[in-house]
Amino acid sequence: MSAVAGISGPINIPGYGPDFWRLTTGMAEMTGGEALAAQLVRERVSMLFGVPGVQLDWAFDGLYKEREHIKFVGPRHEQATTYMADGYARTRGEVGVAMVVPGPGILNAAAGLATAYSVSSPVLLIAGQIDSRHIGEGLGH
């Protein structure tokens, strides 16, 4: 699940119902994934390179709702996400956005980030997170 205000998925806190993980804006409710996708649209992101994973399910649900505004390209390896985002940023003059799972996904994406950094290419890496109840248990991803 993707992180919502630092919390992954529903949690049990006394005084909060099962929908605690939803964000309330006063006029509308949205998940963290919907908030992420909406902000990417506001930032004029039109292309995202990513490798799906269970930690990103909520994010992909939000991206699906914004599919008219953000095109998704799914390479088969995390390293390709950041190299593609770098190439996109260099050729289009826009921020290249990559999205991967935590742990090994971030490590695999690091080479492309290093390349982008070395040439001052604007690349944003978004990473999922394991359920907060399992942080520190050595699950890795």
Protein backbone atom coordinates (compact mmCIF):
# COMPACT_ATOMS: atom_id res chain seq x y z
CA MET A 1 0.00 0.00 0.00
CA SER A 2 1.18 3.51 -0.60
CA ALA A 3 1.84 5.76 2.33
CA VAL A 4 -0.84 8.22 3.38
CA ALA A 5 0.58 10.83 5.74
CA GLY A 6 3.20 8.29 6.78
CA ILE A 7 0.65 5.54 7.39
CA SER A 8 0.21 2.55 5.09
CA GLY A 9 -3.35 1.30 4.91
CA PRO A 10 -5.96 1.03 7.66
CA ILE A 11 -4.71 1.02 11.24
CA ASN A 12 -6.40 0.60 14.60
CA ILE A 13 -6.19 3.70 16.76
CA PRO A 14 -8.68 4.20 19.60
CA GLY A 15 -11.19 6.85 18.61
CA TYR A 16 -10.68 6.47 14.85
CA GLY A 17 -12.87 4.37 12.60
CA PRO A 18 -11.77 1.98 9.83
CA ASP A 19 -11.60 4.85 7.31
CA PHE A 20 -8.92 6.71 9.28
CA TRP A 21 -6.50 6.30 6.34
CA ARG A 22 -8.70 8.44 4.11
CA LEU A 23 -7.95 12.14 3.78
CA THR A 24 -10.81 14.54 4.35
CA THR A 25 -10.55 17.91 2.67
CA GLY A 26 -13.90 19.28 3.82
CA MET A 27 -15.57 18.97 0.44
CA ALA A 28 -14.24 15.64 -0.81
CA GLU A 29 -12.51 12.53 0.46
CA MET A 30 -9.59 10.91 -1.31
CA THR A 31 -7.07 8.19 -0.68
CA GLY A 32 -3.37 8.92 -0.51
CA GLY A 33 -3.02 7.50 -4.02
CA GLU A 34 -5.69 9.86 -5.32
CA ALA A 35 -3.99 12.79 -3.57
CA LEU A 36 -0.64 11.79 -5.11
CA ALA A 37 -2.12 11.54 -8.60
CA ALA A 38 -4.00 14.83 -8.23
CA GLN A 39 -0.82 16.61 -7.14
CA LEU A 40 1.13 15.13 -10.05
CA VAL A 41 -1.52 16.53 -12.38
CA ARG A 42 -1.28 19.93 -10.65
CA GLU A 43 2.48 19.82 -11.15
CA ARG A 44 1.87 19.15 -14.87
CA VAL A 45 3.39 15.66 -14.85
CA SER A 46 2.23 13.99 -18.05
CA MET A 47 4.35 10.81 -18.06
CA LEU A 48 5.27 8.37 -15.31
CA PHE A 49 7.60 5.36 -15.58
CA GLY A 50 7.00 2.70 -12.96
CA VAL A 51 7.05 -0.90 -11.89
CA PRO A 52 3.83 -1.93 -10.09
CA GLY A 53 3.94 -3.70 -6.76
CA VAL A 54 1.60 -4.38 -3.87
CA GLN A 55 3.08 -1.44 -1.97
CA LEU A 56 1.90 0.86 -4.75
CA ASP A 57 -1.64 -0.45 -5.24
CA TRP A 58 -3.29 2.70 -3.84
CA ALA A 59 -1.04 4.92 -5.92
CA PHE A 60 -1.92 3.03 -9.10
CA ASP A 61 -5.63 3.28 -8.26
CA GLY A 62 -5.19 7.06 -8.09
CA LEU A 63 -3.16 7.15 -11.30
CA TYR A 64 -5.85 5.15 -13.08
CA LYS A 65 -8.36 7.87 -12.26
CA GLU A 66 -6.00 10.45 -13.81
CA ARG A 67 -5.16 8.35 -16.89
CA GLU A 68 -6.36 11.12 -19.22
CA HIS A 69 -3.66 13.41 -17.81
CA ILE A 70 -0.79 11.06 -16.91
CA LYS A 71 0.47 8.38 -19.27
CA PHE A 72 2.01 5.35 -17.56
CA VAL A 73 4.88 3.32 -19.02
CA GLY A 74 5.77 0.09 -17.23
CA PRO A 75 9.26 -1.20 -17.97
CA ARG A 76 10.24 -4.62 -16.64
CA HIS A 77 12.97 -3.46 -14.26
CA GLU A 78 13.25 -0.63 -11.75
CA GLN A 79 16.58 0.53 -13.17
CA ALA A 80 14.85 1.27 -16.46
CA THR A 81 12.30 3.54 -14.72
CA THR A 82 14.88 6.11 -13.71
CA TYR A 83 16.88 5.87 -16.94
CA MET A 84 13.65 6.42 -18.89
CA ALA A 85 12.66 9.31 -16.60
CA ASP A 86 16.12 10.82 -17.14
CA GLY A 87 15.85 10.50 -20.91
CA TYR A 88 12.35 11.96 -20.83
CA ALA A 89 13.52 14.91 -18.72
CA ARG A 90 16.45 15.63 -21.02
CA THR A 91 14.48 15.43 -24.26
CA ARG A 92 11.23 17.06 -23.13
CA GLY A 93 12.56 19.64 -20.69
CA GLU A 94 10.08 18.43 -18.07
CA VAL A 95 10.52 16.58 -14.80
CA GLY A 96 10.95 12.85 -15.36
CA VAL A 97 8.99 10.80 -12.83
CA ALA A 98 9.71 7.21 -11.81
CA MET A 99 7.84 5.05 -9.29
CA VAL A 100 9.13 1.84 -7.69
CA VAL A 101 8.56 -0.45 -4.73
CA PRO A 102 10.62 -0.03 -1.55
CA GLY A 103 13.84 -1.85 -0.71
CA PRO A 104 15.32 -3.53 -3.77
CA GLY A 105 13.24 -1.33 -6.08
CA ILE A 106 14.94 1.80 -4.78
CA LEU A 107 18.37 0.17 -4.95
CA ASN A 108 17.76 -0.88 -8.55
CA ALA A 109 16.60 2.64 -9.44
CA ALA A 110 19.66 4.27 -7.87
CA ALA A 111 21.91 3.93 -10.95
CA GLY A 112 19.52 5.96 -13.10
CA LEU A 113 19.15 8.55 -10.34
CA ALA A 114 22.93 8.86 -10.10
CA THR A 115 23.16 9.43 -13.83
CA ALA A 116 20.41 12.06 -13.71
CA TYR A 117 22.09 13.75 -10.76
CA SER A 118 25.45 13.87 -12.52
CA VAL A 119 24.01 15.87 -15.42
CA SER A 120 21.51 17.91 -13.37
CA SER A 121 18.53 16.22 -14.99
CA PRO A 122 15.28 16.81 -13.04
CA VAL A 123 14.09 13.34 -12.01
CA LEU A 124 11.63 12.56 -9.23
CA LEU A 125 11.57 9.07 -7.71
CA ILE A 126 8.43 8.01 -5.87
CA ALA A 127 8.71 4.87 -3.76
CA GLY A 128 6.08 2.86 -1.97
CA GLN A 129 6.34 1.64 1.60
CA ILE A 130 5.44 -1.57 3.38
CA ASP A 131 2.52 -1.51 5.79
CA SER A 132 3.62 0.57 8.78
CA ARG A 133 2.79 -2.31 11.14
CA HIS A 134 5.61 -4.32 9.54
CA ILE A 135 8.38 -1.73 9.52
CA GLY A 136 11.41 -3.07 11.36
CA GLU A 137 10.46 -6.72 10.92
CA GLY A 138 13.06 -7.32 8.21
CA LEU A 139 10.53 -7.85 5.43
CA GLY A 140 12.57 -5.66 3.09
CA HIS A 141 9.79 -4.94 0.60
